[in-house]
Amino acid sequence: MTMDIQAEKLSLVQAILDIEDISLIKKMKKILKKKEHDWFDDLTEEQQQAVMRSLEKLDRGEGIPHEEAIARLGL
């Protein structure tokens, strides 16, 4: 199924024009300004620290292989 990109763009423009919530407009502007959005920036400080601690553990060899993690989760 082929998507008509121009129709999708026009639909998006109309949806944006209908927005009355200034905070949502500011969030959308921020997203559109970023060329590469880094999901890490959207995390809370606590979540960022947890990720960093986990990466430090992996650097020390304290992690488990991906295959084992998948098996433990039953995926």
C-alpha atoms as a PDB file:
ATOM      1  CA  MET A   1       0.000   0.000   0.000  1.00  0.00           C
ATOM      2  CA  THR A   2       1.540   3.271  -1.104  1.00  0.00           C
ATOM      3  CA  MET A   3       1.211   6.284   1.130  1.00  0.00           C
ATOM      4  CA  ASP A   4       0.544   9.617  -0.544  1.00  0.00           C
ATOM      5  CA  ILE A   5       3.252  11.639   1.213  1.00  0.00           C
ATOM      6  CA  GLN A   6       1.838  15.003   0.148  1.00  0.00           C
ATOM      7  CA  ALA A   7      -1.602  14.126   1.551  1.00  0.00           C
ATOM      8  CA  GLU A   8       0.023  13.002   4.804  1.00  0.00           C
ATOM      9  CA  LYS A   9       1.975  16.251   5.048  1.00  0.00           C
ATOM     10  CA  LEU A  10      -1.151  18.332   4.442  1.00  0.00           C
ATOM     11  CA  SER A  11      -3.017  16.339   7.070  1.00  0.00           C
ATOM     12  CA  LEU A  12      -0.210  16.967   9.540  1.00  0.00           C
ATOM     13  CA  VAL A  13      -0.131  20.684   8.744  1.00  0.00           C
ATOM     14  CA  GLN A  14      -3.881  20.910   9.333  1.00  0.00           C
ATOM     15  CA  ALA A  15      -3.555  19.078  12.657  1.00  0.00           C
ATOM     16  CA  ILE A  16      -0.814  21.492  13.720  1.00  0.00           C
ATOM     17  CA  LEU A  17      -2.922  24.504  12.713  1.00  0.00           C
ATOM     18  CA  ASP A  18      -5.763  23.196  14.889  1.00  0.00           C
ATOM     19  CA  ILE A  19      -3.594  22.961  18.045  1.00  0.00           C
ATOM     20  CA  GLU A  20      -4.460  25.527  20.712  1.00  0.00           C
ATOM     21  CA  ASP A  21      -2.150  24.208  23.463  1.00  0.00           C
ATOM     22  CA  ILE A  22       1.030  26.328  23.461  1.00  0.00           C
ATOM     23  CA  SER A  23       3.012  23.737  25.433  1.00  0.00           C
ATOM     24  CA  LEU A  24       2.288  21.118  22.775  1.00  0.00           C
ATOM     25  CA  ILE A  25       3.356  23.536  20.035  1.00  0.00           C
ATOM     26  CA  LYS A  26       6.628  24.210  21.888  1.00  0.00           C
ATOM     27  CA  LYS A  27       7.276  20.476  22.260  1.00  0.00           C
ATOM     28  CA  MET A  28       6.650  19.915  18.563  1.00  0.00           C
ATOM     29  CA  LYS A  29       8.977  22.794  17.674  1.00  0.00           C
ATOM     30  CA  LYS A  30      11.698  21.277  19.828  1.00  0.00           C
ATOM     31  CA  ILE A  31      11.300  17.902  18.131  1.00  0.00           C
ATOM     32  CA  LEU A  32      11.384  19.415  14.651  1.00  0.00           C
ATOM     33  CA  LYS A  33      14.506  21.456  15.424  1.00  0.00           C
ATOM     34  CA  LYS A  34      16.519  18.408  16.431  1.00  0.00           C
ATOM     35  CA  LYS A  35      18.061  16.649  13.468  1.00  0.00           C
ATOM     36  CA  GLU A  36      18.835  13.582  15.542  1.00  0.00           C
ATOM     37  CA  HIS A  37      16.635  13.107  18.549  1.00  0.00           C
ATOM     38  CA  ASP A  38      18.395  11.391  21.431  1.00  0.00           C
ATOM     39  CA  TRP A  39      15.947   9.376  23.551  1.00  0.00           C
ATOM     40  CA  PHE A  40      18.345   9.712  26.492  1.00  0.00           C
ATOM     41  CA  ASP A  41      17.517  13.437  26.754  1.00  0.00           C
ATOM     42  CA  ASP A  42      13.855  12.589  27.333  1.00  0.00           C
ATOM     43  CA  LEU A  43      14.624  10.513  30.422  1.00  0.00           C
ATOM     44  CA  THR A  44      14.385  11.899  33.925  1.00  0.00           C
ATOM     45  CA  GLU A  45      17.627  12.542  35.813  1.00  0.00           C
ATOM     46  CA  GLU A  46      16.994   9.386  37.855  1.00  0.00           C
ATOM     47  CA  GLN A  47      16.481   7.302  34.709  1.00  0.00           C
ATOM     48  CA  GLN A  48      19.629   8.738  33.119  1.00  0.00           C
ATOM     49  CA  GLN A  49      21.638   7.844  36.216  1.00  0.00           C
ATOM     50  CA  ALA A  50      20.231   4.288  36.166  1.00  0.00           C
ATOM     51  CA  VAL A  51      21.274   3.892  32.527  1.00  0.00           C
ATOM     52  CA  MET A  52      24.759   5.205  33.297  1.00  0.00           C
ATOM     53  CA  ARG A  53      25.128   2.825  36.267  1.00  0.00           C
ATOM     54  CA  SER A  54      24.067  -0.071  34.031  1.00  0.00           C
ATOM     55  CA  LEU A  55      26.600   0.885  31.377  1.00  0.00           C
ATOM     56  CA  GLU A  56      29.328   1.053  34.033  1.00  0.00           C
ATOM     57  CA  LYS A  57      28.379  -2.468  35.183  1.00  0.00           C
ATOM     58  CA  LEU A  58      28.606  -3.714  31.598  1.00  0.00           C
ATOM     59  CA  ASP A  59      32.035  -2.118  31.258  1.00  0.00           C
ATOM     60  CA  ARG A  60      33.121  -4.105  34.331  1.00  0.00           C
ATOM     61  CA  GLY A  61      31.817  -7.321  32.740  1.00  0.00           C
ATOM     62  CA  GLU A  62      28.889  -7.625  35.126  1.00  0.00           C
ATOM     63  CA  GLY A  63      26.234  -7.994  32.422  1.00  0.00           C
ATOM     64  CA  ILE A  64      24.631 -11.045  30.853  1.00  0.00           C
ATOM     65  CA  PRO A  65      24.601 -11.920  27.145  1.00  0.00           C
ATOM     66  CA  HIS A  66      21.613 -10.754  25.116  1.00  0.00           C
ATOM     67  CA  GLU A  67      20.538 -14.317  24.359  1.00  0.00           C
ATOM     68  CA  GLU A  68      20.434 -15.146  28.065  1.00  0.00           C
ATOM     69  CA  ALA A  69      18.386 -12.044  28.867  1.00  0.00           C
ATOM     70  CA  ILE A  70      15.887 -12.971  26.144  1.00  0.00           C
ATOM     71  CA  ALA A  71      15.674 -16.515  27.507  1.00  0.00           C
ATOM     72  CA  ARG A  72      15.090 -15.254  31.061  1.00  0.00           C
ATOM     73  CA  LEU A  73      12.276 -13.049  29.800  1.00  0.00           C
ATOM     74  CA  GLY A  74      10.771 -15.928  27.850  1.00  0.00           C
ATOM     75  CA  LEU A  75      10.946 -14.086  24.547  1.00  0.00           C
END
